Amino acid sequence: MDGRTLEYFARAYEEHNFAQAAKLIPISPQGLAKAIRSLEKELEAPLFDNSTGAQIPTEYGVRLYRYALEHRQSIRELHADFDTIRRSRSGVIRIGACIGVMGVVPFSVFDDFQAAYPNVRVEREDIPDYLCDERLRDGYYDMAFTLWPYADEFETIELYRDSHFIWMASTDPLAQKDAVAIEDLEGKALHSVGPEYKGHNELQRLLESKGVRLGKSTVSGEMDWLHHMAGTGEGLSLTVRHKAELFGDDRSITARPVPELPWRFGLSYKKGRALSAHERAFASFCIRLMDQGAMPR
């Protein structure tokens, strides 16, 4: 059973019409029918029931289609792996980074790495959390700085461990506490980044699990706006340590940690994928930075 014939079958299955499937392939309807008959003969099983004049998949056809989908995915992964090998030979590493991570990772990490490995070029893109995971999953990146919770299909070398923070006006009673508990948010107005970021969704999950109801909830990807809203006393705002420190000179606003809401990140790559020598070197370089305290855990 060759891959081309299997794809012919999958097209016929998806279109429920040999003539339409043949047009999309493209191949003649007679050629497609011949390929299907050849496949049925090889597998010794009928794949379609043509007794009513329509191409209705049999139980054998349904099972073969599942196999065809797995085959498609395997082919995509094979092409992605081949692209990785080609890039490795050309000395290119494609890195994704969840927005916010580069506030902790020293920007010099890429220049320092390329100074140590002049034959390697690192290409980096900063994007929202879930999109970063998706692009790593799809092979668009070789590796990525991803945020917790880490996807199960990734191997992740954790580099940093902290909690989210809450901005509040210094006059807010919560400012007198060392840390904010989820229960402290009951009835409060809370401003946070949008649902494309993991912190937002993890906070919503915690609120729901503890039965805590906010008085008001608004979202914005603009950290300046979140800071402003906390300063006006119009509610609390979700942030992270390095953003809070960036605005640390503003004494009208205080930031307190939320220990129940982690903010952690690591360097991830797809499970089962063998890293190139350049990628292993980059991972080791990041780990050394962590061990030296540049990216504390």
C-alpha atoms as a PDB file:
ATOM      1  CA  MET A   1       0.000   0.000   0.000  1.00  0.00           C
ATOM      2  CA  ASP A   2       1.767   3.151  -1.176  1.00  0.00           C
ATOM      3  CA  GLY A   3       1.195   6.611   0.199  1.00  0.00           C
ATOM      4  CA  ARG A   4      -0.299   8.008  -2.993  1.00  0.00           C
ATOM      5  CA  THR A   5      -3.033   5.363  -3.170  1.00  0.00           C
ATOM      6  CA  LEU A   6      -3.764   5.869   0.525  1.00  0.00           C
ATOM      7  CA  GLU A   7      -4.224   9.600  -0.078  1.00  0.00           C
ATOM      8  CA  TYR A   8      -6.533   8.840  -3.028  1.00  0.00           C
ATOM      9  CA  PHE A   9      -8.660   6.742  -0.680  1.00  0.00           C
ATOM     10  CA  ALA A  10      -8.702   9.494   1.974  1.00  0.00           C
ATOM     11  CA  ARG A  11      -9.897  12.033  -0.583  1.00  0.00           C
ATOM     12  CA  ALA A  12     -12.681   9.710  -1.706  1.00  0.00           C
ATOM     13  CA  TYR A  13     -13.679   9.126   1.914  1.00  0.00           C
ATOM     14  CA  GLU A  14     -13.774  12.844   2.723  1.00  0.00           C
ATOM     15  CA  GLU A  15     -15.711  13.905  -0.371  1.00  0.00           C
ATOM     16  CA  HIS A  16     -18.222  11.010  -0.344  1.00  0.00           C
ATOM     17  CA  ASN A  17     -18.100  11.297  -4.104  1.00  0.00           C
ATOM     18  CA  PHE A  18     -15.529   9.702  -6.404  1.00  0.00           C
ATOM     19  CA  ALA A  19     -16.033  12.254  -9.188  1.00  0.00           C
ATOM     20  CA  GLN A  20     -15.512  15.226  -6.864  1.00  0.00           C
ATOM     21  CA  ALA A  21     -12.522  13.554  -5.180  1.00  0.00           C
ATOM     22  CA  ALA A  22     -10.971  12.771  -8.558  1.00  0.00           C
ATOM     23  CA  LYS A  23     -11.301  16.418  -9.574  1.00  0.00           C
ATOM     24  CA  LEU A  24      -9.493  17.577  -6.420  1.00  0.00           C
ATOM     25  CA  ILE A  25      -6.606  15.098  -6.648  1.00  0.00           C
ATOM     26  CA  PRO A  26      -6.594  15.515  -9.761  1.00  0.00           C
ATOM     27  CA  ILE A  27      -7.066  12.172 -11.525  1.00  0.00           C
ATOM     28  CA  SER A  28      -9.720  10.710 -13.797  1.00  0.00           C
ATOM     29  CA  PRO A  29     -12.738   9.153 -12.028  1.00  0.00           C
ATOM     30  CA  GLN A  30     -11.845   5.859 -13.708  1.00  0.00           C
ATOM     31  CA  GLY A  31      -8.277   6.092 -12.409  1.00  0.00           C
ATOM     32  CA  LEU A  32      -9.503   6.778  -8.866  1.00  0.00           C
ATOM     33  CA  ALA A  33     -11.962   3.867  -8.977  1.00  0.00           C
ATOM     34  CA  LYS A  34      -9.178   1.600 -10.222  1.00  0.00           C
ATOM     35  CA  ALA A  35      -6.880   2.713  -7.375  1.00  0.00           C
ATOM     36  CA  ILE A  36      -9.602   2.017  -4.792  1.00  0.00           C
ATOM     37  CA  ARG A  37     -10.290  -1.446  -6.255  1.00  0.00           C
ATOM     38  CA  SER A  38      -6.570  -2.194  -6.157  1.00  0.00           C
ATOM     39  CA  LEU A  39      -6.436  -1.141  -2.513  1.00  0.00           C
ATOM     40  CA  GLU A  40      -9.460  -3.306  -1.654  1.00  0.00           C
ATOM     41  CA  LYS A  41      -7.840  -6.263  -3.358  1.00  0.00           C
ATOM     42  CA  GLU A  42      -4.593  -5.735  -1.453  1.00  0.00           C
ATOM     43  CA  LEU A  43      -6.381  -5.435   1.908  1.00  0.00           C
ATOM     44  CA  GLU A  44      -8.935  -8.127   1.073  1.00  0.00           C
ATOM     45  CA  ALA A  45     -11.758  -5.933   2.367  1.00  0.00           C
ATOM     46  CA  PRO A  46     -14.443  -3.700   0.795  1.00  0.00           C
ATOM     47  CA  LEU A  47     -13.815  -0.048   1.606  1.00  0.00           C
ATOM     48  CA  PHE A  48     -17.006   1.450   0.159  1.00  0.00           C
ATOM     49  CA  ASP A  49     -20.561   0.198  -0.207  1.00  0.00           C
ATOM     50  CA  ASN A  50     -21.738   1.153  -3.693  1.00  0.00           C
ATOM     51  CA  SER A  51     -25.004  -0.795  -3.628  1.00  0.00           C
ATOM     52  CA  THR A  52     -27.134   2.368  -3.417  1.00  0.00           C
ATOM     53  CA  GLY A  53     -25.127   4.244  -6.045  1.00  0.00           C
ATOM     54  CA  ALA A  54     -23.415   6.399  -3.392  1.00  0.00           C
ATOM     55  CA  GLN A  55     -19.904   5.814  -2.044  1.00  0.00           C
ATOM     56  CA  ILE A  56     -20.633   4.940   1.610  1.00  0.00           C
ATOM     57  CA  PRO A  57     -17.579   3.859   3.648  1.00  0.00           C
ATOM     58  CA  THR A  58     -17.742   0.412   5.192  1.00  0.00           C
ATOM     59  CA  GLU A  59     -16.406  -0.406   8.673  1.00  0.00           C
ATOM     60  CA  TYR A  60     -13.140  -1.350   6.963  1.00  0.00           C
ATOM     61  CA  GLY A  61     -13.105   2.042   5.239  1.00  0.00           C
ATOM     62  CA  VAL A  62     -13.689   3.902   8.495  1.00  0.00           C
ATOM     63  CA  ARG A  63     -10.766   2.095  10.116  1.00  0.00           C
ATOM     64  CA  LEU A  64      -8.492   2.670   7.131  1.00  0.00           C
ATOM     65  CA  TYR A  65      -9.327   6.375   7.177  1.00  0.00           C
ATOM     66  CA  ARG A  66      -8.053   6.638  10.759  1.00  0.00           C
ATOM     67  CA  TYR A  67      -4.842   5.037   9.571  1.00  0.00           C
ATOM     68  CA  ALA A  68      -4.698   7.478   6.625  1.00  0.00           C
ATOM     69  CA  LEU A  69      -4.945  10.451   9.010  1.00  0.00           C
ATOM     70  CA  GLU A  70      -2.120   9.043  11.135  1.00  0.00           C
ATOM     71  CA  HIS A  71      -0.087   8.574   7.960  1.00  0.00           C
ATOM     72  CA  ARG A  72      -0.693  12.207   6.944  1.00  0.00           C
ATOM     73  CA  GLN A  73       0.467  13.396  10.341  1.00  0.00           C
ATOM     74  CA  SER A  74       3.557  11.182  10.181  1.00  0.00           C
ATOM     75  CA  ILE A  75       4.430  12.611   6.767  1.00  0.00           C
ATOM     76  CA  ARG A  76       4.051  16.168   8.079  1.00  0.00           C
ATOM     77  CA  GLU A  77       6.280  15.360  11.038  1.00  0.00           C
ATOM     78  CA  LEU A  78       8.824  13.734   8.736  1.00  0.00           C
ATOM     79  CA  HIS A  79       8.981  16.848   6.557  1.00  0.00           C
ATOM     80  CA  ALA A  80       9.311  19.012   9.676  1.00  0.00           C
ATOM     81  CA  ASP A  81      12.184  16.838  10.928  1.00  0.00           C
ATOM     82  CA  PHE A  82      13.896  17.055   7.541  1.00  0.00           C
ATOM     83  CA  ASP A  83      13.538  20.854   7.642  1.00  0.00           C
ATOM     84  CA  THR A  84      15.094  20.816  11.103  1.00  0.00           C
ATOM     85  CA  ILE A  85      18.054  18.804   9.834  1.00  0.00           C
ATOM     86  CA  ARG A  86      18.526  21.214   6.912  1.00  0.00           C
ATOM     87  CA  ARG A  87      18.409  24.233   9.238  1.00  0.00           C
ATOM     88  CA  SER A  88      20.793  22.544  11.635  1.00  0.00           C
ATOM     89  CA  ARG A  89      23.284  22.091   8.833  1.00  0.00           C
ATOM     90  CA  SER A  90      22.851  25.720   7.846  1.00  0.00           C
ATOM     91  CA  GLY A  91      23.296  26.830  11.468  1.00  0.00           C
ATOM     92  CA  VAL A  92      19.841  28.329  12.061  1.00  0.00           C
ATOM     93  CA  ILE A  93      17.798  27.872  15.261  1.00  0.00           C
ATOM     94  CA  ARG A  94      14.243  29.191  15.302  1.00  0.00           C
ATOM     95  CA  ILE A  95      13.160  30.214  18.803  1.00  0.00           C
ATOM     96  CA  GLY A  96       9.693  31.240  19.958  1.00  0.00           C
ATOM     97  CA  ALA A  97       9.150  33.189  23.177  1.00  0.00           C
ATOM     98  CA  CYS A  98       5.955  33.855  25.100  1.00  0.00           C
ATOM     99  CA  ILE A  99       5.432  37.584  25.521  1.00  0.00           C
ATOM    100  CA  GLY A 100       6.886  38.684  28.845  1.00  0.00           C
ATOM    101  CA  VAL A 101       9.636  36.075  29.045  1.00  0.00           C
ATOM    102  CA  MET A 102      12.178  38.432  27.511  1.00  0.00           C
ATOM    103  CA  GLY A 103      11.651  40.702  30.488  1.00  0.00           C
ATOM    104  CA  VAL A 104      13.504  38.082  32.532  1.00  0.00           C
ATOM    105  CA  VAL A 105      15.822  36.444  29.985  1.00  0.00           C
ATOM    106  CA  PRO A 106      18.730  38.827  29.370  1.00  0.00           C
ATOM    107  CA  PHE A 107      18.505  40.214  25.825  1.00  0.00           C
ATOM    108  CA  SER A 108      22.230  39.619  25.563  1.00  0.00           C
ATOM    109  CA  VAL A 109      21.664  35.848  25.679  1.00  0.00           C
ATOM    110  CA  PHE A 110      21.320  35.694  21.904  1.00  0.00           C
ATOM    111  CA  ASP A 111      24.274  37.943  21.124  1.00  0.00           C
ATOM    112  CA  ASP A 112      26.424  36.152  23.704  1.00  0.00           C
ATOM    113  CA  PHE A 113      25.454  32.767  22.322  1.00  0.00           C
ATOM    114  CA  GLN A 114      26.202  33.777  18.744  1.00  0.00           C
ATOM    115  CA  ALA A 115      29.521  35.258  19.849  1.00  0.00           C
ATOM    116  CA  ALA A 116      30.386  31.880  21.360  1.00  0.00           C
ATOM    117  CA  TYR A 117      29.004  30.017  18.304  1.00  0.00           C
ATOM    118  CA  PRO A 118      29.638  32.329  15.319  1.00  0.00           C
ATOM    119  CA  ASN A 119      28.407  29.751  12.806  1.00  0.00           C
ATOM    120  CA  VAL A 120      24.937  29.654  14.372  1.00  0.00           C
ATOM    121  CA  ARG A 121      22.148  32.178  13.760  1.00  0.00           C
ATOM    122  CA  VAL A 122      19.255  32.416  16.230  1.00  0.00           C
ATOM    123  CA  GLU A 123      15.922  33.742  14.969  1.00  0.00           C
ATOM    124  CA  ARG A 124      13.461  34.766  17.715  1.00  0.00           C
ATOM    125  CA  GLU A 125       9.786  35.737  17.706  1.00  0.00           C
ATOM    126  CA  ASP A 126       7.774  36.983  20.719  1.00  0.00           C
ATOM    127  CA  ILE A 127       4.088  35.988  20.645  1.00  0.00           C
ATOM    128  CA  PRO A 128       1.197  35.204  23.068  1.00  0.00           C
ATOM    129  CA  ASP A 129       1.399  32.049  25.187  1.00  0.00           C
ATOM    130  CA  TYR A 130      -0.950  29.655  23.398  1.00  0.00           C
ATOM    131  CA  LEU A 131       0.165  30.735  19.937  1.00  0.00           C
ATOM    132  CA  CYS A 132       3.765  30.061  20.948  1.00  0.00           C
ATOM    133  CA  ASP A 133       2.795  26.536  22.034  1.00  0.00           C
ATOM    134  CA  GLU A 134       0.880  25.994  18.800  1.00  0.00           C
ATOM    135  CA  ARG A 135       3.749  27.098  16.581  1.00  0.00           C
ATOM    136  CA  LEU A 136       6.218  24.924  18.465  1.00  0.00           C
ATOM    137  CA  ARG A 137       3.800  21.997  18.146  1.00  0.00           C
ATOM    138  CA  ASP A 138       3.459  22.600  14.398  1.00  0.00           C
ATOM    139  CA  GLY A 139       7.213  22.716  13.835  1.00  0.00           C
ATOM    140  CA  TYR A 140       7.361  26.448  13.112  1.00  0.00           C
ATOM    141  CA  TYR A 141       9.948  26.749  15.900  1.00  0.00           C
ATOM    142  CA  ASP A 142      12.749  24.399  16.850  1.00  0.00           C
ATOM    143  CA  MET A 143      12.554  25.410  20.508  1.00  0.00           C
ATOM    144  CA  ALA A 144      10.577  27.927  22.523  1.00  0.00           C
ATOM    145  CA  PHE A 145      10.501  29.695  25.859  1.00  0.00           C
ATOM    146  CA  THR A 146       7.062  28.495  26.977  1.00  0.00           C
ATOM    147  CA  LEU A 147       5.044  29.348  30.061  1.00  0.00           C
ATOM    148  CA  TRP A 148       3.584  27.016  32.673  1.00  0.00           C
ATOM    149  CA  PRO A 149       1.345  25.008  32.473  1.00  0.00           C
ATOM    150  CA  TYR A 150       3.600  23.263  29.977  1.00  0.00           C
ATOM    151  CA  ALA A 151       2.030  21.238  27.161  1.00  0.00           C
ATOM    152  CA  ASP A 152       2.240  17.467  27.668  1.00  0.00           C
ATOM    153  CA  GLU A 153       3.750  16.915  24.220  1.00  0.00           C
ATOM    154  CA  PHE A 154       6.799  19.055  25.061  1.00  0.00           C
ATOM    155  CA  GLU A 155      10.000  18.321  26.887  1.00  0.00           C
ATOM    156  CA  THR A 156      10.630  21.404  29.018  1.00  0.00           C
ATOM    157  CA  ILE A 157      13.777  22.507  30.816  1.00  0.00           C
ATOM    158  CA  GLU A 158      12.410  24.842  33.478  1.00  0.00           C
ATOM    159  CA  LEU A 159      14.494  28.003  33.825  1.00  0.00           C
ATOM    160  CA  TYR A 160      12.470  30.300  36.057  1.00  0.00           C
ATOM    161  CA  ARG A 161       9.930  29.922  38.841  1.00  0.00           C
ATOM    162  CA  ASP A 162       7.931  32.715  40.452  1.00  0.00           C
ATOM    163  CA  SER A 163       4.325  33.778  41.061  1.00  0.00           C
ATOM    164  CA  HIS A 164       2.062  36.339  39.442  1.00  0.00           C
ATOM    165  CA  PHE A 165       1.606  39.679  41.185  1.00  0.00           C
ATOM    166  CA  ILE A 166      -1.359  41.955  41.775  1.00  0.00           C
ATOM    167  CA  TRP A 167      -1.082  45.721  41.369  1.00  0.00           C
ATOM    168  CA  MET A 168      -3.212  47.807  43.712  1.00  0.00           C
ATOM    169  CA  ALA A 169      -3.378  51.366  44.975  1.00  0.00           C
ATOM    170  CA  SER A 170      -1.104  51.793  48.016  1.00  0.00           C
ATOM    171  CA  THR A 171      -4.168  52.893  49.964  1.00  0.00           C
ATOM    172  CA  ASP A 172      -5.965  49.594  49.305  1.00  0.00           C
ATOM    173  CA  PRO A 173      -6.234  47.419  52.465  1.00  0.00           C
ATOM    174  CA  LEU A 174      -4.653  44.541  50.499  1.00  0.00           C
ATOM    175  CA  ALA A 175      -1.465  46.587  50.294  1.00  0.00           C
ATOM    176  CA  GLN A 176      -0.946  45.868  53.996  1.00  0.00           C
ATOM    177  CA  LYS A 177      -0.643  42.132  53.302  1.00  0.00           C
ATOM    178  CA  ASP A 178       2.558  40.333  52.322  1.00  0.00           C
ATOM    179  CA  ALA A 179       0.712  38.268  49.707  1.00  0.00           C
ATOM    180  CA  VAL A 180      -2.703  38.070  48.050  1.00  0.00           C
ATOM    181  CA  ALA A 181      -4.873  34.973  48.414  1.00  0.00           C
ATOM    182  CA  ILE A 182      -7.447  34.060  45.794  1.00  0.00           C
ATOM    183  CA  GLU A 183     -10.191  34.568  48.384  1.00  0.00           C
ATOM    184  CA  ASP A 184      -9.035  38.185  48.776  1.00  0.00           C
ATOM    185  CA  LEU A 185     -10.358  38.873  45.270  1.00  0.00           C
ATOM    186  CA  GLU A 186     -14.000  38.278  46.231  1.00  0.00           C
ATOM    187  CA  GLY A 187     -16.117  41.151  44.914  1.00  0.00           C
ATOM    188  CA  LYS A 188     -13.083  43.017  43.588  1.00  0.00           C
ATOM    189  CA  ALA A 189     -12.748  44.613  40.165  1.00  0.00           C
ATOM    190  CA  LEU A 190      -9.840  42.892  38.418  1.00  0.00           C
ATOM    191  CA  HIS A 191      -8.078  43.914  35.224  1.00  0.00           C
ATOM    192  CA  SER A 192      -5.897  41.339  33.480  1.00  0.00           C
ATOM    193  CA  VAL A 193      -4.362  40.288  30.204  1.00  0.00           C
ATOM    194  CA  GLY A 194      -6.659  38.454  27.803  1.00  0.00           C
ATOM    195  CA  PRO A 195      -7.519  34.760  27.424  1.00  0.00           C
ATOM    196  CA  GLU A 196      -4.686  34.232  24.933  1.00  0.00           C
ATOM    197  CA  TYR A 197      -2.392  34.278  27.980  1.00  0.00           C
ATOM    198  CA  LYS A 198      -2.134  31.363  30.391  1.00  0.00           C
ATOM    199  CA  GLY A 199      -2.077  33.470  33.545  1.00  0.00           C
ATOM    200  CA  HIS A 200      -5.519  34.874  32.777  1.00  0.00           C
ATOM    201  CA  ASN A 201      -7.036  31.427  32.304  1.00  0.00           C
ATOM    202  CA  GLU A 202      -5.279  29.890  35.302  1.00  0.00           C
ATOM    203  CA  LEU A 203      -6.633  32.713  37.451  1.00  0.00           C
ATOM    204  CA  GLN A 204     -10.156  32.099  36.142  1.00  0.00           C
ATOM    205  CA  ARG A 205      -9.748  28.397  36.948  1.00  0.00           C
ATOM    206  CA  LEU A 206      -8.656  29.178  40.515  1.00  0.00           C
ATOM    207  CA  LEU A 207     -11.516  31.621  41.034  1.00  0.00           C
ATOM    208  CA  GLU A 208     -14.020  29.036  39.852  1.00  0.00           C
ATOM    209  CA  SER A 209     -12.529  26.211  41.918  1.00  0.00           C
ATOM    210  CA  LYS A 210     -12.720  28.324  45.086  1.00  0.00           C
ATOM    211  CA  GLY A 211     -16.125  29.807  44.335  1.00  0.00           C
ATOM    212  CA  VAL A 212     -14.729  33.345  44.308  1.00  0.00           C
ATOM    213  CA  ARG A 213     -16.688  35.887  42.279  1.00  0.00           C
ATOM    214  CA  LEU A 214     -15.194  39.095  40.981  1.00  0.00           C
ATOM    215  CA  GLY A 215     -17.155  42.310  41.092  1.00  0.00           C
ATOM    216  CA  LYS A 216     -15.905  43.223  37.615  1.00  0.00           C
ATOM    217  CA  SER A 217     -13.449  41.752  35.136  1.00  0.00           C
ATOM    218  CA  THR A 218     -11.847  43.517  32.156  1.00  0.00           C
ATOM    219  CA  VAL A 219      -8.972  42.497  29.912  1.00  0.00           C
ATOM    220  CA  SER A 220      -6.186  44.316  28.100  1.00  0.00           C
ATOM    221  CA  GLY A 221      -2.853  43.273  26.693  1.00  0.00           C
ATOM    222  CA  GLU A 222      -1.441  46.723  27.484  1.00  0.00           C
ATOM    223  CA  MET A 223       0.526  46.514  30.731  1.00  0.00           C
ATOM    224  CA  ASP A 224       0.659  50.332  30.962  1.00  0.00           C
ATOM    225  CA  TRP A 225      -3.139  50.416  31.025  1.00  0.00           C
ATOM    226  CA  LEU A 226      -3.300  47.717  33.710  1.00  0.00           C
ATOM    227  CA  HIS A 227      -0.862  49.729  35.806  1.00  0.00           C
ATOM    228  CA  HIS A 228      -2.887  52.913  35.276  1.00  0.00           C
ATOM    229  CA  MET A 229      -6.170  51.277  36.291  1.00  0.00           C
ATOM    230  CA  ALA A 230      -4.657  50.043  39.554  1.00  0.00           C
ATOM    231  CA  GLY A 231      -3.280  53.515  40.251  1.00  0.00           C
ATOM    232  CA  THR A 232      -6.666  55.168  39.795  1.00  0.00           C
ATOM    233  CA  GLY A 233      -8.122  52.916  42.474  1.00  0.00           C
ATOM    234  CA  GLU A 234     -10.557  51.450  39.927  1.00  0.00           C
ATOM    235  CA  GLY A 235      -9.620  47.910  40.807  1.00  0.00           C
ATOM    236  CA  LEU A 236      -6.704  45.494  40.941  1.00  0.00           C
ATOM    237  CA  SER A 237      -4.509  44.461  37.999  1.00  0.00           C
ATOM    238  CA  LEU A 238      -2.706  41.213  37.255  1.00  0.00           C
ATOM    239  CA  THR A 239       0.987  41.503  36.471  1.00  0.00           C
ATOM    240  CA  VAL A 240       4.347  39.745  36.986  1.00  0.00           C
ATOM    241  CA  ARG A 241       7.396  40.619  39.074  1.00  0.00           C
ATOM    242  CA  HIS A 242       9.597  42.204  36.407  1.00  0.00           C
ATOM    243  CA  LYS A 243       6.740  44.449  35.224  1.00  0.00           C
ATOM    244  CA  ALA A 244       6.022  45.499  38.794  1.00  0.00           C
ATOM    245  CA  GLU A 245       9.710  46.327  39.295  1.00  0.00           C
ATOM    246  CA  LEU A 246       9.715  48.327  36.054  1.00  0.00           C
ATOM    247  CA  PHE A 247       7.114  50.676  37.591  1.00  0.00           C
ATOM    248  CA  GLY A 248       8.676  50.487  41.055  1.00  0.00           C
ATOM    249  CA  ASP A 249       9.262  54.247  41.379  1.00  0.00           C
ATOM    250  CA  ASP A 250       5.525  54.935  41.477  1.00  0.00           C
ATOM    251  CA  ARG A 251       4.764  54.962  45.217  1.00  0.00           C
ATOM    252  CA  SER A 252       1.025  55.319  44.632  1.00  0.00           C
ATOM    253  CA  ILE A 253       0.882  51.694  43.510  1.00  0.00           C
ATOM    254  CA  THR A 254       1.952  48.537  45.323  1.00  0.00           C
ATOM    255  CA  ALA A 255       2.425  45.019  43.937  1.00  0.00           C
ATOM    256  CA  ARG A 256       1.902  41.881  46.007  1.00  0.00           C
ATOM    257  CA  PRO A 257       2.556  38.252  44.974  1.00  0.00           C
ATOM    258  CA  VAL A 258      -0.206  35.695  44.449  1.00  0.00           C
ATOM    259  CA  PRO A 259       1.514  32.456  45.584  1.00  0.00           C
ATOM    260  CA  GLU A 260      -1.349  30.280  44.318  1.00  0.00           C
ATOM    261  CA  LEU A 261      -0.880  31.578  40.756  1.00  0.00           C
ATOM    262  CA  PRO A 262       2.559  30.541  39.404  1.00  0.00           C
ATOM    263  CA  TRP A 263       4.473  32.350  36.688  1.00  0.00           C
ATOM    264  CA  ARG A 264       7.090  29.912  35.428  1.00  0.00           C
ATOM    265  CA  PHE A 265       8.796  29.334  32.111  1.00  0.00           C
ATOM    266  CA  GLY A 266      11.216  26.945  30.492  1.00  0.00           C
ATOM    267  CA  LEU A 267      12.872  26.056  27.210  1.00  0.00           C
ATOM    268  CA  SER A 268      10.673  23.527  25.402  1.00  0.00           C
ATOM    269  CA  TYR A 269      10.887  21.257  22.380  1.00  0.00           C
ATOM    270  CA  LYS A 270       8.683  18.484  21.064  1.00  0.00           C
ATOM    271  CA  LYS A 271       8.954  15.100  22.775  1.00  0.00           C
ATOM    272  CA  GLY A 272      10.711  12.446  20.731  1.00  0.00           C
ATOM    273  CA  ARG A 273      12.576  15.027  18.663  1.00  0.00           C
ATOM    274  CA  ALA A 274      16.352  14.721  18.665  1.00  0.00           C
ATOM    275  CA  LEU A 275      17.995  18.095  19.191  1.00  0.00           C
ATOM    276  CA  SER A 276      20.740  19.176  16.844  1.00  0.00           C
ATOM    277  CA  ALA A 277      24.197  19.930  18.214  1.00  0.00           C
ATOM    278  CA  HIS A 278      23.465  23.662  17.918  1.00  0.00           C
ATOM    279  CA  GLU A 279      20.178  23.327  19.798  1.00  0.00           C
ATOM    280  CA  ARG A 280      21.793  21.311  22.581  1.00  0.00           C
ATOM    281  CA  ALA A 281      24.446  24.002  22.849  1.00  0.00           C
ATOM    282  CA  PHE A 282      21.778  26.707  23.127  1.00  0.00           C
ATOM    283  CA  ALA A 283      19.915  24.767  25.831  1.00  0.00           C
ATOM    284  CA  SER A 284      23.148  24.307  27.790  1.00  0.00           C
ATOM    285  CA  PHE A 285      23.918  28.006  27.388  1.00  0.00           C
ATOM    286  CA  CYS A 286      20.538  28.944  28.921  1.00  0.00           C
ATOM    287  CA  ILE A 287      20.998  26.483  31.785  1.00  0.00           C
ATOM    288  CA  ARG A 288      24.405  27.985  32.587  1.00  0.00           C
ATOM    289  CA  LEU A 289      22.811  31.444  32.727  1.00  0.00           C
ATOM    290  CA  MET A 290      20.240  30.056  35.152  1.00  0.00           C
ATOM    291  CA  ASP A 291      22.907  28.470  37.333  1.00  0.00           C
ATOM    292  CA  GLN A 292      24.811  31.759  37.388  1.00  0.00           C
ATOM    293  CA  GLY A 293      21.723  33.535  38.707  1.00  0.00           C
ATOM    294  CA  ALA A 294      20.880  35.483  35.565  1.00  0.00           C
ATOM    295  CA  MET A 295      17.607  33.547  35.356  1.00  0.00           C
ATOM    296  CA  PRO A 296      16.890  32.439  38.941  1.00  0.00           C
ATOM    297  CA  ARG A 297      14.555  29.611  39.794  1.00  0.00           C
END
